[in-house]
Amino acid sequence: MRPVLFHRHAASYFKRLPNDRREQVLNAIETLRTTRPPAELPNVKAMQGEWHGCWRMRVGALRVIFRIVLQHDGA
């Protein structure tokens, strides 16, 4: 499974979300972690312009912006 890291601003915002909304975001993130590739999900779209290389996923009225980082184990 992919690790999930939050930007400090996103983590601060996430902590202030109501519990029900926070649960929705956590469920969406878990779906992202287990779907390969996440772009196959219907609500995931590639970002363009300044955000090129990032993806966005709608979770209700919120937009979760993420980047997929491929890790190589050096073997």
C-alpha atoms as a PDB file:
ATOM      1  CA  MET A   1       0.000   0.000   0.000  1.00  0.00           C
ATOM      2  CA  ARG A   2       1.075   3.549  -0.630  1.00  0.00           C
ATOM      3  CA  PRO A   3       2.004   5.726   2.346  1.00  0.00           C
ATOM      4  CA  VAL A   4      -0.031   8.907   2.808  1.00  0.00           C
ATOM      5  CA  LEU A   5       1.614  12.158   3.827  1.00  0.00           C
ATOM      6  CA  PHE A   6      -0.285  15.365   4.548  1.00  0.00           C
ATOM      7  CA  HIS A   7       1.062  18.823   3.827  1.00  0.00           C
ATOM      8  CA  ARG A   8       1.112  20.774   7.108  1.00  0.00           C
ATOM      9  CA  HIS A   9      -1.608  23.148   5.904  1.00  0.00           C
ATOM     10  CA  ALA A  10      -3.780  20.222   4.807  1.00  0.00           C
ATOM     11  CA  ALA A  11      -3.259  18.472   8.150  1.00  0.00           C
ATOM     12  CA  SER A  12      -4.329  21.604  10.023  1.00  0.00           C
ATOM     13  CA  TYR A  13      -7.440  21.977   7.854  1.00  0.00           C
ATOM     14  CA  PHE A  14      -8.226  18.269   8.194  1.00  0.00           C
ATOM     15  CA  LYS A  15      -8.184  18.498  12.007  1.00  0.00           C
ATOM     16  CA  ARG A  16     -10.792  21.280  11.901  1.00  0.00           C
ATOM     17  CA  LEU A  17     -13.236  19.338   9.716  1.00  0.00           C
ATOM     18  CA  PRO A  18     -16.436  18.018  11.305  1.00  0.00           C
ATOM     19  CA  ASN A  19     -16.194  14.317  12.186  1.00  0.00           C
ATOM     20  CA  ASP A  20     -18.543  13.157   9.422  1.00  0.00           C
ATOM     21  CA  ARG A  21     -16.621  15.073   6.729  1.00  0.00           C
ATOM     22  CA  ARG A  22     -13.299  13.847   8.133  1.00  0.00           C
ATOM     23  CA  GLU A  23     -14.563  10.265   7.859  1.00  0.00           C
ATOM     24  CA  GLN A  24     -15.534  10.843   4.208  1.00  0.00           C
ATOM     25  CA  VAL A  25     -12.058  12.161   3.414  1.00  0.00           C
ATOM     26  CA  LEU A  26     -10.388   9.234   5.206  1.00  0.00           C
ATOM     27  CA  ASN A  27     -12.506   6.751   3.241  1.00  0.00           C
ATOM     28  CA  ALA A  28     -11.584   8.503  -0.027  1.00  0.00           C
ATOM     29  CA  ILE A  29      -7.880   8.431   0.873  1.00  0.00           C
ATOM     30  CA  GLU A  30      -8.103   4.733   1.705  1.00  0.00           C
ATOM     31  CA  THR A  31      -9.668   4.122  -1.704  1.00  0.00           C
ATOM     32  CA  LEU A  32      -6.784   6.024  -3.321  1.00  0.00           C
ATOM     33  CA  ARG A  33      -4.256   3.920  -1.439  1.00  0.00           C
ATOM     34  CA  THR A  34      -5.718   0.637  -2.629  1.00  0.00           C
ATOM     35  CA  THR A  35      -6.665   1.467  -6.245  1.00  0.00           C
ATOM     36  CA  ARG A  36      -3.992   1.023  -8.882  1.00  0.00           C
ATOM     37  CA  PRO A  37      -3.919   3.285 -10.781  1.00  0.00           C
ATOM     38  CA  PRO A  38      -6.092   5.828  -8.949  1.00  0.00           C
ATOM     39  CA  ALA A  39      -6.814   7.582 -12.266  1.00  0.00           C
ATOM     40  CA  GLU A  40      -9.280   4.779 -12.970  1.00  0.00           C
ATOM     41  CA  LEU A  41     -11.612   6.153 -10.292  1.00  0.00           C
ATOM     42  CA  PRO A  42     -14.483   8.173 -11.792  1.00  0.00           C
ATOM     43  CA  ASN A  43     -14.001  11.247  -9.583  1.00  0.00           C
ATOM     44  CA  VAL A  44     -10.209  11.546 -10.045  1.00  0.00           C
ATOM     45  CA  LYS A  45      -8.858  13.966 -12.636  1.00  0.00           C
ATOM     46  CA  ALA A  46      -5.380  15.139 -13.628  1.00  0.00           C
ATOM     47  CA  MET A  47      -4.619  18.768 -12.784  1.00  0.00           C
ATOM     48  CA  GLN A  48      -3.101  21.152 -15.304  1.00  0.00           C
ATOM     49  CA  GLY A  49      -1.076  24.354 -15.376  1.00  0.00           C
ATOM     50  CA  GLU A  50       0.641  25.218 -12.110  1.00  0.00           C
ATOM     51  CA  TRP A  51      -0.639  21.959 -10.574  1.00  0.00           C
ATOM     52  CA  HIS A  52       0.605  19.729 -13.427  1.00  0.00           C
ATOM     53  CA  GLY A  53       1.696  16.371 -12.009  1.00  0.00           C
ATOM     54  CA  CYS A  54      -0.964  16.420  -9.296  1.00  0.00           C
ATOM     55  CA  TRP A  55      -4.396  14.841  -9.247  1.00  0.00           C
ATOM     56  CA  ARG A  56      -7.646  15.894  -7.664  1.00  0.00           C
ATOM     57  CA  MET A  57     -10.461  13.883  -6.191  1.00  0.00           C
ATOM     58  CA  ARG A  58     -13.847  15.292  -5.253  1.00  0.00           C
ATOM     59  CA  VAL A  59     -15.154  14.313  -1.828  1.00  0.00           C
ATOM     60  CA  GLY A  60     -18.518  16.022  -1.534  1.00  0.00           C
ATOM     61  CA  ALA A  61     -17.857  19.765  -1.711  1.00  0.00           C
ATOM     62  CA  LEU A  62     -14.150  19.281  -0.929  1.00  0.00           C
ATOM     63  CA  ARG A  63     -11.330  18.740  -3.373  1.00  0.00           C
ATOM     64  CA  VAL A  64      -8.517  16.448  -2.239  1.00  0.00           C
ATOM     65  CA  ILE A  65      -5.334  17.245  -4.163  1.00  0.00           C
ATOM     66  CA  PHE A  66      -2.661  14.577  -4.212  1.00  0.00           C
ATOM     67  CA  ARG A  67       0.500  13.492  -5.959  1.00  0.00           C
ATOM     68  CA  ILE A  68       1.580   9.926  -6.583  1.00  0.00           C
ATOM     69  CA  VAL A  69       5.225   9.331  -5.795  1.00  0.00           C
ATOM     70  CA  LEU A  70       6.767   6.130  -7.058  1.00  0.00           C
ATOM     71  CA  GLN A  71       9.215   4.648  -4.614  1.00  0.00           C
ATOM     72  CA  HIS A  72      12.110   2.472  -5.649  1.00  0.00           C
ATOM     73  CA  ASP A  73      13.611   0.191  -3.031  1.00  0.00           C
ATOM     74  CA  GLY A  74      17.104   0.433  -4.523  1.00  0.00           C
ATOM     75  CA  ALA A  75      17.477  -3.329  -4.957  1.00  0.00           C
END
